[in-house]
């Protein structure tokens, strides 16, 4: 019994140290948990921003493709017009030459 009495203060001190350590660990876990939640929110905001940027890039690409298509059509029309103008100029020149020989 006297041996148990001698061990009691040591066991009490050890138990107190364990309780204190577990209390500190619980506090640290709460801090870590809140930091983790903040990081998750930041990641979610970053993902939203990336999604918006991706959507804008897609829209810009579509607009660029439409502009390229319009430019190609305009180039085709310009070439056809140039061909017709040259043809008309040749016809007028031939008509002028014929009229001069009459």
PDB file of N, CA and C in Angstrom:
ATOM      1  N   UNK A   1       0.814  -1.192   0.000  1.00  0.00           N
ATOM      2  CA  UNK A   1       0.000   0.000   0.000  1.00  0.00           C
ATOM      3  C   UNK A   1       0.860   1.260   0.000  1.00  0.00           C
ATOM      4  N   UNK A   2       1.921   1.275   0.783  1.00  0.00           N
ATOM      5  CA  UNK A   2       2.779   2.442   0.800  1.00  0.00           C
ATOM      6  C   UNK A   2       3.453   2.633  -0.555  1.00  0.00           C
ATOM      7  N   UNK A   3       3.661   1.532  -1.220  1.00  0.00           N
ATOM      8  CA  UNK A   3       4.226   1.603  -2.560  1.00  0.00           C
ATOM      9  C   UNK A   3       3.245   2.284  -3.507  1.00  0.00           C
ATOM     10  N   UNK A   4       1.963   1.969  -3.415  1.00  0.00           N
ATOM     11  CA  UNK A   4       0.949   2.609  -4.239  1.00  0.00           C
ATOM     12  C   UNK A   4       0.847   4.088  -3.923  1.00  0.00           C
ATOM     13  N   UNK A   5       0.996   4.419  -2.671  1.00  0.00           N
ATOM     14  CA  UNK A   5       0.935   5.827  -2.278  1.00  0.00           C
ATOM     15  C   UNK A   5       2.107   6.572  -2.899  1.00  0.00           C
ATOM     16  N   UNK A   6       3.254   5.943  -2.947  1.00  0.00           N
ATOM     17  CA  UNK A   6       4.422   6.581  -3.538  1.00  0.00           C
ATOM     18  C   UNK A   6       4.239   6.729  -5.057  1.00  0.00           C
ATOM     19  N   UNK A   7       3.565   5.799  -5.708  1.00  0.00           N
ATOM     20  CA  UNK A   7       3.365   5.850  -7.156  1.00  0.00           C
ATOM     21  C   UNK A   7       2.264   6.833  -7.561  1.00  0.00           C
ATOM     22  N   UNK A   8       1.362   7.102  -6.641  1.00  0.00           N
ATOM     23  CA  UNK A   8       0.202   7.944  -6.943  1.00  0.00           C
ATOM     24  C   UNK A   8       0.579   9.335  -7.457  1.00  0.00           C
ATOM     25  N   UNK A   9       1.504  10.067  -6.846  1.00  0.00           N
ATOM     26  CA  UNK A   9       1.851  11.391  -7.392  1.00  0.00           C
ATOM     27  C   UNK A   9       2.458  11.296  -8.790  1.00  0.00           C
ATOM     28  N   UNK A  10       3.285  10.305  -9.019  1.00  0.00           N
ATOM     29  CA  UNK A  10       3.891  10.136 -10.349  1.00  0.00           C
ATOM     30  C   UNK A  10       2.841   9.810 -11.398  1.00  0.00           C
ATOM     31  N   UNK A  11       1.928   8.917 -11.044  1.00  0.00           N
ATOM     32  CA  UNK A  11       0.852   8.571 -11.988  1.00  0.00           C
ATOM     33  C   UNK A  11      -0.061   9.763 -12.232  1.00  0.00           C
ATOM     34  N   UNK A  12      -0.333  10.515 -11.193  1.00  0.00           N
ATOM     35  CA  UNK A  12      -1.173  11.715 -11.348  1.00  0.00           C
ATOM     36  C   UNK A  12      -0.503  12.723 -12.264  1.00  0.00           C
ATOM     37  N   UNK A  13       0.794  12.897 -12.099  1.00  0.00           N
ATOM     38  CA  UNK A  13       1.533  13.842 -12.950  1.00  0.00           C
ATOM     39  C   UNK A  13       1.520  13.374 -14.405  1.00  0.00           C
ATOM     40  N   UNK A  14       1.713  12.081 -14.605  1.00  0.00           N
ATOM     41  CA  UNK A  14       1.701  11.538 -15.963  1.00  0.00           C
ATOM     42  C   UNK A  14       0.323  11.694 -16.595  1.00  0.00           C
ATOM     43  N   UNK A  15      -0.720  11.407 -15.790  1.00  0.00           N
ATOM     44  CA  UNK A  15      -2.081  11.550 -16.303  1.00  0.00           C
ATOM     45  C   UNK A  15      -2.374  13.000 -16.647  1.00  0.00           C
ATOM     46  N   UNK A  16      -1.923  13.922 -15.807  1.00  0.00           N
ATOM     47  CA  UNK A  16      -2.129  15.344 -16.070  1.00  0.00           C
ATOM     48  C   UNK A  16      -1.406  15.758 -17.344  1.00  0.00           C
ATOM     49  N   UNK A  17      -0.194  15.268 -17.545  1.00  0.00           N
ATOM     50  CA  UNK A  17       0.575  15.588 -18.751  1.00  0.00           C
ATOM     51  C   UNK A  17      -0.130  15.058 -19.999  1.00  0.00           C
ATOM     52  N   UNK A  18      -0.665  13.850 -19.926  1.00  0.00           N
ATOM     53  CA  UNK A  18      -1.398  13.276 -21.059  1.00  0.00           C
ATOM     54  C   UNK A  18      -2.654  14.078 -21.375  1.00  0.00           C
ATOM     55  N   UNK A  19      -3.379  14.473 -20.338  1.00  0.00           N
ATOM     56  CA  UNK A  19      -4.578  15.283 -20.571  1.00  0.00           C
ATOM     57  C   UNK A  19      -4.230  16.627 -21.186  1.00  0.00           C
ATOM     58  N   UNK A  20      -3.173  17.238 -20.697  1.00  0.00           N
ATOM     59  CA  UNK A  20      -2.734  18.525 -21.244  1.00  0.00           C
ATOM     60  C   UNK A  20      -2.313  18.370 -22.696  1.00  0.00           C
ATOM     61  N   UNK A  21      -1.564  17.309 -22.997  1.00  0.00           N
ATOM     62  CA  UNK A  21      -1.116  17.064 -24.369  1.00  0.00           C
ATOM     63  C   UNK A  21      -2.298  16.809 -25.296  1.00  0.00           C
ATOM     64  N   UNK A  22      -3.277  16.039 -24.804  1.00  0.00           N
ATOM     65  CA  UNK A  22      -4.430  15.771 -25.655  1.00  0.00           C
ATOM     66  C   UNK A  22      -5.249  17.041 -25.872  1.00  0.00           C
ATOM     67  N   UNK A  23      -5.306  17.908 -24.872  1.00  0.00           N
ATOM     68  CA  UNK A  23      -6.006  19.190 -25.031  1.00  0.00           C
ATOM     69  C   UNK A  23      -5.319  20.061 -26.058  1.00  0.00           C
ATOM     70  N   UNK A  24      -4.000  20.111 -26.016  1.00  0.00           N
ATOM     71  CA  UNK A  24      -3.240  20.894 -26.999  1.00  0.00           C
ATOM     72  C   UNK A  24      -3.409  20.305 -28.395  1.00  0.00           C
ATOM     73  N   UNK A  25      -3.403  18.983 -28.480  1.00  0.00           N
ATOM     74  CA  UNK A  25      -3.572  18.332 -29.774  1.00  0.00           C
ATOM     75  C   UNK A  25      -4.945  18.644 -30.347  1.00  0.00           C
ATOM     76  N   UNK A  26      -5.966  18.667 -29.481  1.00  0.00           N
ATOM     77  CA  UNK A  26      -7.310  18.993 -29.941  1.00  0.00           C
ATOM     78  C   UNK A  26      -7.354  20.420 -30.466  1.00  0.00           C
ATOM     79  N   UNK A  27      -6.695  21.339 -29.761  1.00  0.00           N
ATOM     80  CA  UNK A  27      -6.649  22.738 -30.210  1.00  0.00           C
ATOM     81  C   UNK A  27      -5.923  22.849 -31.542  1.00  0.00           C
ATOM     82  N   UNK A  28      -4.804  22.126 -31.677  1.00  0.00           N
ATOM     83  CA  UNK A  28      -4.062  22.155 -32.937  1.00  0.00           C
ATOM     84  C   UNK A  28      -4.883  21.547 -34.064  1.00  0.00           C
ATOM     85  N   UNK A  29      -5.596  20.473 -33.768  1.00  0.00           N
ATOM     86  CA  UNK A  29      -6.441  19.851 -34.791  1.00  0.00           C
ATOM     87  C   UNK A  29      -7.523  20.816 -35.266  1.00  0.00           C
ATOM     88  N   UNK A  30      -8.086  21.588 -34.328  1.00  0.00           N
ATOM     89  CA  UNK A  30      -9.094  22.581 -34.715  1.00  0.00           C
ATOM     90  C   UNK A  30      -8.500  23.643 -35.614  1.00  0.00           C
ATOM     91  N   UNK A  31      -7.284  24.104 -35.293  1.00  0.00           N
ATOM     92  CA  UNK A  31      -6.617  25.118 -36.118  1.00  0.00           C
ATOM     93  C   UNK A  31      -6.291  24.553 -37.494  1.00  0.00           C
ATOM     94  N   UNK A  32      -5.801  23.326 -37.512  1.00  0.00           N
ATOM     95  CA  UNK A  32      -5.470  22.691 -38.788  1.00  0.00           C
ATOM     96  C   UNK A  32      -6.726  22.487 -39.615  1.00  0.00           C
ATOM     97  N   UNK A  33      -7.804  22.105 -38.968  1.00  0.00           N
ATOM     98  CA  UNK A  33      -9.059  21.895 -39.678  1.00  0.00           C
ATOM     99  C   UNK A  33      -9.562  23.189 -40.310  1.00  0.00           C
ATOM    100  N   UNK A  34      -9.469  24.294 -39.570  1.00  0.00           N
ATOM    101  CA  UNK A  34      -9.934  25.563 -40.140  1.00  0.00           C
ATOM    102  C   UNK A  34      -9.021  26.029 -41.261  1.00  0.00           C
ATOM    103  N   UNK A  35      -7.715  25.790 -41.136  1.00  0.00           N
ATOM    104  CA  UNK A  35      -6.785  26.136 -42.216  1.00  0.00           C
ATOM    105  C   UNK A  35      -7.068  25.293 -43.451  1.00  0.00           C
ATOM    106  N   UNK A  36      -7.358  24.021 -43.225  1.00  0.00           N
ATOM    107  CA  UNK A  36      -7.684  23.134 -44.341  1.00  0.00           C
ATOM    108  C   UNK A  36      -8.941  23.609 -45.058  1.00  0.00           C
ATOM    109  N   UNK A  37      -9.934  24.030 -44.318  1.00  0.00           N
ATOM    110  CA  UNK A  37     -11.173  24.534 -44.925  1.00  0.00           C
ATOM    111  C   UNK A  37     -10.900  25.804 -45.732  1.00  0.00           C
ATOM    112  N   UNK A  38     -10.036  26.661 -45.219  1.00  0.00           N
ATOM    113  CA  UNK A  38      -9.687  27.890 -45.938  1.00  0.00           C
ATOM    114  C   UNK A  38      -8.968  27.554 -47.252  1.00  0.00           C
ATOM    115  N   UNK A  39      -8.074  26.584 -47.196  1.00  0.00           N
ATOM    116  CA  UNK A  39      -7.364  26.159 -48.412  1.00  0.00           C
ATOM    117  C   UNK A  39      -8.343  25.569 -49.418  1.00  0.00           C
ATOM    118  N   UNK A  40      -9.304  24.791 -48.943  1.00  0.00           N
ATOM    119  CA  UNK A  40     -10.310  24.233 -49.841  1.00  0.00           C
ATOM    120  C   UNK A  40     -11.122  25.332 -50.511  1.00  0.00           C
ATOM    121  N   UNK A  41     -11.481  26.360 -49.750  1.00  0.00           N
ATOM    122  CA  UNK A  41     -12.249  27.471 -50.323  1.00  0.00           C
ATOM    123  C   UNK A  41     -11.421  28.223 -51.359  1.00  0.00           C
ATOM    124  N   UNK A  42     -10.151  28.430 -51.057  1.00  0.00           N
ATOM    125  CA  UNK A  42      -9.274  29.101 -52.021  1.00  0.00           C
ATOM    126  C   UNK A  42      -9.135  28.268 -53.290  1.00  0.00           C
ATOM    127  N   UNK A  43      -9.019  26.964 -53.131  1.00  0.00           N
ATOM    128  CA  UNK A  43      -8.917  26.084 -54.299  1.00  0.00           C
ATOM    129  C   UNK A  43     -10.204  26.135 -55.120  1.00  0.00           C
ATOM    130  N   UNK A  44     -11.343  26.186 -54.455  1.00  0.00           N
ATOM    131  CA  UNK A  44     -12.627  26.260 -55.167  1.00  0.00           C
ATOM    132  C   UNK A  44     -12.724  27.573 -55.942  1.00  0.00           C
ATOM    133  N   UNK A  45     -12.288  28.677 -55.316  1.00  0.00           N
ATOM    134  CA  UNK A  45     -12.305  29.973 -56.021  1.00  0.00           C
ATOM    135  C   UNK A  45     -11.344  29.957 -57.206  1.00  0.00           C
ATOM    136  N   UNK A  46     -10.185  29.346 -57.016  1.00  0.00           N
ATOM    137  CA  UNK A  46      -9.217  29.259 -58.117  1.00  0.00           C
ATOM    138  C   UNK A  46      -9.789  28.431 -59.262  1.00  0.00           C
ATOM    139  N   UNK A  47     -10.494  27.358 -58.940  1.00  0.00           N
ATOM    140  CA  UNK A  47     -11.108  26.521 -59.980  1.00  0.00           C
ATOM    141  C   UNK A  47     -12.190  27.298 -60.723  1.00  0.00           C
ATOM    142  N   UNK A  48     -12.976  28.086 -59.998  1.00  0.00           N
ATOM    143  CA  UNK A  48     -14.011  28.902 -60.651  1.00  0.00           C
ATOM    144  C   UNK A  48     -13.375  29.902 -61.599  1.00  0.00           C
ATOM    145  N   UNK A  49     -12.294  30.531 -61.150  1.00  0.00           N
ATOM    146  CA  UNK A  49     -11.598  31.502 -61.994  1.00  0.00           C
ATOM    147  C   UNK A  49     -11.030  30.821 -63.240  1.00  0.00           C
ATOM    148  N   UNK A  50     -10.461  29.633 -63.050  1.00  0.00           N
ATOM    149  CA  UNK A  50      -9.915  28.887 -64.193  1.00  0.00           C
ATOM    150  C   UNK A  50     -11.021  28.490 -65.163  1.00  0.00           C
ATOM    151  N   UNK A  51     -12.169  28.084 -64.637  1.00  0.00           N
ATOM    152  CA  UNK A  51     -13.296  27.712 -65.504  1.00  0.00           C
ATOM    153  C   UNK A  51     -13.782  28.916 -66.305  1.00  0.00           C
ATOM    154  N   UNK A  52     -13.859  30.082 -65.648  1.00  0.00           N
ATOM    155  CA  UNK A  52     -14.285  31.296 -66.354  1.00  0.00           C
ATOM    156  C   UNK A  52     -13.280  31.660 -67.442  1.00  0.00           C
ATOM    157  N   UNK A  53     -11.991  31.556 -67.117  1.00  0.00           N
ATOM    158  CA  UNK A  53     -10.958  31.870 -68.104  1.00  0.00           C
ATOM    159  C   UNK A  53     -11.031  30.908 -69.289  1.00  0.00           C
ATOM    160  N   UNK A  54     -11.289  29.654 -69.006  1.00  0.00           N
ATOM    161  CA  UNK A  54     -11.414  28.656 -70.070  1.00  0.00           C
ATOM    162  C   UNK A  54     -12.604  28.973 -70.968  1.00  0.00           C
ATOM    163  N   UNK A  55     -13.717  29.358 -70.366  1.00  0.00           N
ATOM    164  CA  UNK A  55     -14.903  29.701 -71.156  1.00  0.00           C
ATOM    165  C   UNK A  55     -14.631  30.924 -72.037  1.00  0.00           C
ATOM    166  N   UNK A  56     -13.937  31.912 -71.478  1.00  0.00           N
ATOM    167  CA  UNK A  56     -13.612  33.105 -72.272  1.00  0.00           C
ATOM    168  C   UNK A  56     -12.647  32.771 -73.398  1.00  0.00           C
ATOM    169  N   UNK A  57     -11.705  31.883 -73.122  1.00  0.00           N
ATOM    170  CA  UNK A  57     -10.757  31.478 -74.168  1.00  0.00           C
ATOM    171  C   UNK A  57     -11.480  30.737 -75.282  1.00  0.00           C
ATOM    172  N   UNK A  58     -12.423  29.891 -74.921  1.00  0.00           N
ATOM    173  CA  UNK A  58     -13.213  29.184 -75.941  1.00  0.00           C
ATOM    174  C   UNK A  58     -14.005  30.164 -76.794  1.00  0.00           C
ATOM    175  N   UNK A  59     -14.615  31.149 -76.143  1.00  0.00           N
ATOM    176  CA  UNK A  59     -15.387  32.147 -76.875  1.00  0.00           C
ATOM    177  C   UNK A  59     -14.475  32.945 -77.818  1.00  0.00           C
ATOM    178  N   UNK A  60     -13.293  33.285 -77.337  1.00  0.00           N
ATOM    179  CA  UNK A  60     -12.350  34.026 -78.178  1.00  0.00           C
ATOM    180  C   UNK A  60     -11.901  33.185 -79.368  1.00  0.00           C
ATOM    181  N   UNK A  61     -11.675  31.908 -79.141  1.00  0.00           N
ATOM    182  CA  UNK A  61     -11.280  31.013 -80.226  1.00  0.00           C
ATOM    183  C   UNK A  61     -12.394  30.900 -81.265  1.00  0.00           C
ATOM    184  N   UNK A  62     -13.628  30.778 -80.798  1.00  0.00           N
ATOM    185  CA  UNK A  62     -14.769  30.703 -81.727  1.00  0.00           C
ATOM    186  C   UNK A  62     -14.877  31.982 -82.549  1.00  0.00           C
ATOM    187  N   UNK A  63     -14.706  33.129 -81.884  1.00  0.00           N
ATOM    188  CA  UNK A  63     -14.769  34.409 -82.597  1.00  0.00           C
ATOM    189  C   UNK A  63     -13.643  34.511 -83.618  1.00  0.00           C
ATOM    190  N   UNK A  64     -12.461  34.052 -83.247  1.00  0.00           N
ATOM    191  CA  UNK A  64     -11.327  34.093 -84.179  1.00  0.00           C
ATOM    192  C   UNK A  64     -11.577  33.182 -85.379  1.00  0.00           C
ATOM    193  N   UNK A  65     -12.148  32.017 -85.129  1.00  0.00           N
ATOM    194  CA  UNK A  65     -12.451  31.107 -86.241  1.00  0.00           C
ATOM    195  C   UNK A  65     -13.499  31.698 -87.181  1.00  0.00           C
ATOM    196  N   UNK A  66     -14.503  32.355 -86.620  1.00  0.00           N
ATOM    197  CA  UNK A  66     -15.517  33.014 -87.454  1.00  0.00           C
ATOM    198  C   UNK A  66     -14.900  34.140 -88.265  1.00  0.00           C
ATOM    199  N   UNK A  67     -14.008  34.908 -87.628  1.00  0.00           N
ATOM    200  CA  UNK A  67     -13.348  36.004 -88.342  1.00  0.00           C
ATOM    201  C   UNK A  67     -12.486  35.462 -89.477  1.00  0.00           C
ATOM    202  N   UNK A  68     -11.810  34.351 -89.217  1.00  0.00           N
ATOM    203  CA  UNK A  68     -10.976  33.736 -90.271  1.00  0.00           C
ATOM    204  C   UNK A  68     -11.841  33.274 -91.432  1.00  0.00           C
ATOM    205  N   UNK A  69     -12.978  32.672 -91.104  1.00  0.00           N
ATOM    206  CA  UNK A  69     -13.896  32.213 -92.153  1.00  0.00           C
ATOM    207  C   UNK A  69     -14.403  33.389 -92.984  1.00  0.00           C
ATOM    208  N   UNK A  70     -14.770  34.479 -92.315  1.00  0.00           N
ATOM    209  CA  UNK A  70     -15.224  35.671 -93.042  1.00  0.00           C
ATOM    210  C   UNK A  70     -14.108  36.248 -93.905  1.00  0.00           C
ATOM    211  N   UNK A  71     -12.897  36.257 -93.382  1.00  0.00           N
ATOM    212  CA  UNK A  71     -11.757  36.774 -94.151  1.00  0.00           C
ATOM    213  C   UNK A  71     -11.510  35.917 -95.383  1.00  0.00           C
ATOM    214  N   UNK A  72     -11.630  34.603 -95.226  1.00  0.00           N
ATOM    215  CA  UNK A  72     -11.449  33.709 -96.382  1.00  0.00           C
ATOM    216  C   UNK A  72     -12.517  33.955 -97.439  1.00  0.00           C
ATOM    217  N   UNK A  73     -13.763  34.145 -96.977  1.00  0.00           N
ATOM    218  CA  UNK A  73     -14.835  34.449 -97.940  1.00  0.00           C
ATOM    219  C   UNK A  73     -14.581  35.774 -98.648  1.00  0.00           C
ATOM    220  N   UNK A  74     -14.157  36.773 -97.882  1.00  0.00           N
ATOM    221  CA  UNK A  74     -13.879  38.087 -98.466  1.00  0.00           C
ATOM    222  C   UNK A  74     -12.745  37.997 -99.479  1.00  0.00           C
ATOM    223  N   UNK A  75     -11.743  37.193 -99.155  1.00  0.00           N
ATOM    224  CA  UNK A  75     -10.633  37.015-100.096  1.00  0.00           C
ATOM    225  C   UNK A  75     -11.122  36.366-101.390  1.00  0.00           C
ATOM    226  N   UNK A  76     -11.993  35.378-101.262  1.00  0.00           N
ATOM    227  CA  UNK A  76     -12.550  34.728-102.457  1.00  0.00           C
ATOM    228  C   UNK A  76     -13.346  35.700-103.305  1.00  0.00           C
ATOM    229  N   UNK A  77     -14.151  36.525-102.649  1.00  0.00           N
ATOM    230  CA  UNK A  77     -14.944  37.520-103.372  1.00  0.00           C
ATOM    231  C   UNK A  77     -14.033  38.533-104.047  1.00  0.00           C
ATOM    232  N   UNK A  78     -12.974  38.944-103.349  1.00  0.00           N
ATOM    233  CA  UNK A  78     -12.039  39.916-103.920  1.00  0.00           C
ATOM    234  C   UNK A  78     -11.332  39.333-105.146  1.00  0.00           C
ATOM    235  N   UNK A  79     -10.935  38.070-105.070  1.00  0.00           N
ATOM    236  CA  UNK A  79     -10.278  37.439-106.219  1.00  0.00           C
ATOM    237  C   UNK A  79     -11.234  37.317-107.399  1.00  0.00           C
ATOM    238  N   UNK A  80     -12.480  36.937-107.120  1.00  0.00           N
ATOM    239  CA  UNK A  80     -13.470  36.824-108.199  1.00  0.00           C
ATOM    240  C   UNK A  80     -13.735  38.189-108.832  1.00  0.00           C
ATOM    241  N   UNK A  81     -13.806  39.206-108.001  1.00  0.00           N
ATOM    242  CA  UNK A  81     -14.032  40.566-108.510  1.00  0.00           C
ATOM    243  C   UNK A  81     -12.858  41.014-109.366  1.00  0.00           C
ATOM    244  N   UNK A  82     -11.635  40.734-108.893  1.00  0.00           N
ATOM    245  CA  UNK A  82     -10.447  41.113-109.656  1.00  0.00           C
ATOM    246  C   UNK A  82     -10.424  40.400-111.006  1.00  0.00           C
ATOM    247  N   UNK A  83     -10.771  39.129-111.002  1.00  0.00           N
ATOM    248  CA  UNK A  83     -10.832  38.361-112.252  1.00  0.00           C
ATOM    249  C   UNK A  83     -11.840  38.976-113.212  1.00  0.00           C
ATOM    250  N   UNK A  84     -13.014  39.321-112.695  1.00  0.00           N
ATOM    251  CA  UNK A  84     -14.061  39.903-113.542  1.00  0.00           C
ATOM    252  C   UNK A  84     -13.628  41.271-114.074  1.00  0.00           C
ATOM    253  N   UNK A  85     -12.962  42.063-113.220  1.00  0.00           N
ATOM    254  CA  UNK A  85     -12.488  43.375-113.686  1.00  0.00           C
ATOM    255  C   UNK A  85     -11.466  43.231-114.800  1.00  0.00           C
ATOM    256  N   UNK A  86     -10.558  42.287-114.654  1.00  0.00           N
ATOM    257  CA  UNK A  86      -9.553  42.067-115.701  1.00  0.00           C
ATOM    258  C   UNK A  86     -10.223  41.570-116.987  1.00  0.00           C
ATOM    259  N   UNK A  87     -11.192  40.721-116.852  1.00  0.00           N
ATOM    260  CA  UNK A  87     -11.924  40.211-118.013  1.00  0.00           C
ATOM    261  C   UNK A  87     -12.664  41.345-118.723  1.00  0.00           C
ATOM    262  N   UNK A  88     -13.324  42.183-117.924  1.00  0.00           N
ATOM    263  CA  UNK A  88     -14.037  43.329-118.508  1.00  0.00           C
ATOM    264  C   UNK A  88     -13.072  44.277-119.199  1.00  0.00           C
ATOM    265  N   UNK A  89     -11.899  44.487-118.585  1.00  0.00           N
ATOM    266  CA  UNK A  89     -10.917  45.388-119.197  1.00  0.00           C
ATOM    267  C   UNK A  89     -10.445  44.826-120.540  1.00  0.00           C
ATOM    268  N   UNK A  90     -10.237  43.515-120.622  1.00  0.00           N
ATOM    269  CA  UNK A  90      -9.828  42.899-121.892  1.00  0.00           C
ATOM    270  C   UNK A  90     -10.934  43.037-122.934  1.00  0.00           C
ATOM    271  N   UNK A  91     -12.171  42.814-122.511  1.00  0.00           N
ATOM    272  CA  UNK A  91     -13.288  42.939-123.450  1.00  0.00           C
ATOM    273  C   UNK A  91     -13.404  44.368-123.960  1.00  0.00           C
ATOM    274  N   UNK A  92     -13.240  45.329-123.074  1.00  0.00           N
ATOM    275  CA  UNK A  92     -13.317  46.728-123.516  1.00  0.00           C
ATOM    276  C   UNK A  92     -12.183  47.059-124.476  1.00  0.00           C
ATOM    277  N   UNK A  93     -11.018  46.534-124.195  1.00  0.00           N
ATOM    278  CA  UNK A  93      -9.879  46.786-125.080  1.00  0.00           C
ATOM    279  C   UNK A  93     -10.122  46.175-126.458  1.00  0.00           C
ATOM    280  N   UNK A  94     -10.665  44.955-126.475  1.00  0.00           N
ATOM    281  CA  UNK A  94     -10.980  44.313-127.752  1.00  0.00           C
ATOM    282  C   UNK A  94     -12.055  45.089-128.504  1.00  0.00           C
ATOM    283  N   UNK A  95     -13.062  45.557-127.785  1.00  0.00           N
ATOM    284  CA  UNK A  95     -14.123  46.333-128.430  1.00  0.00           C
ATOM    285  C   UNK A  95     -13.562  47.638-128.980  1.00  0.00           C
ATOM    286  N   UNK A  96     -12.653  48.258-128.253  1.00  0.00           N
ATOM    287  CA  UNK A  96     -12.049  49.500-128.720  1.00  0.00           C
ATOM    288  C   UNK A  96     -11.227  49.256-129.981  1.00  0.00           C
ATOM    289  N   UNK A  97     -10.460  48.160-129.971  1.00  0.00           N
ATOM    290  CA  UNK A  97      -9.652  47.846-131.149  1.00  0.00           C
ATOM    291  C   UNK A  97     -10.547  47.579-132.355  1.00  0.00           C
ATOM    292  N   UNK A  98     -11.645  46.855-132.177  1.00  0.00           N
ATOM    293  CA  UNK A  98     -12.577  46.555-133.267  1.00  0.00           C
ATOM    294  C   UNK A  98     -13.203  47.843-133.793  1.00  0.00           C
ATOM    295  N   UNK A  99     -13.517  48.724-132.873  1.00  0.00           N
ATOM    296  CA  UNK A  99     -14.137  49.965-133.320  1.00  0.00           C
ATOM    297  C   UNK A  99     -13.125  50.841-134.086  1.00  0.00           C
ATOM    298  N   UNK A 100     -11.870  50.721-133.772  1.00  0.00           N
ATOM    299  CA  UNK A 100     -10.849  51.512-134.466  1.00  0.00           C
ATOM    300  C   UNK A 100     -10.599  50.981-135.892  1.00  0.00           C
ATOM    301  N   UNK A 101     -10.817  49.688-136.104  1.00  0.00           N
ATOM    302  CA  UNK A 101     -10.579  49.099-137.425  1.00  0.00           C
ATOM    303  C   UNK A 101     -11.766  49.267-138.340  1.00  0.00           C
ATOM    304  N   UNK A 102     -12.864  49.718-137.880  1.00  0.00           N
ATOM    305  CA  UNK A 102     -14.043  49.852-138.719  1.00  0.00           C
ATOM    306  C   UNK A 102     -13.966  51.054-139.560  1.00  0.00           C
TER     307      UNK A 102
END
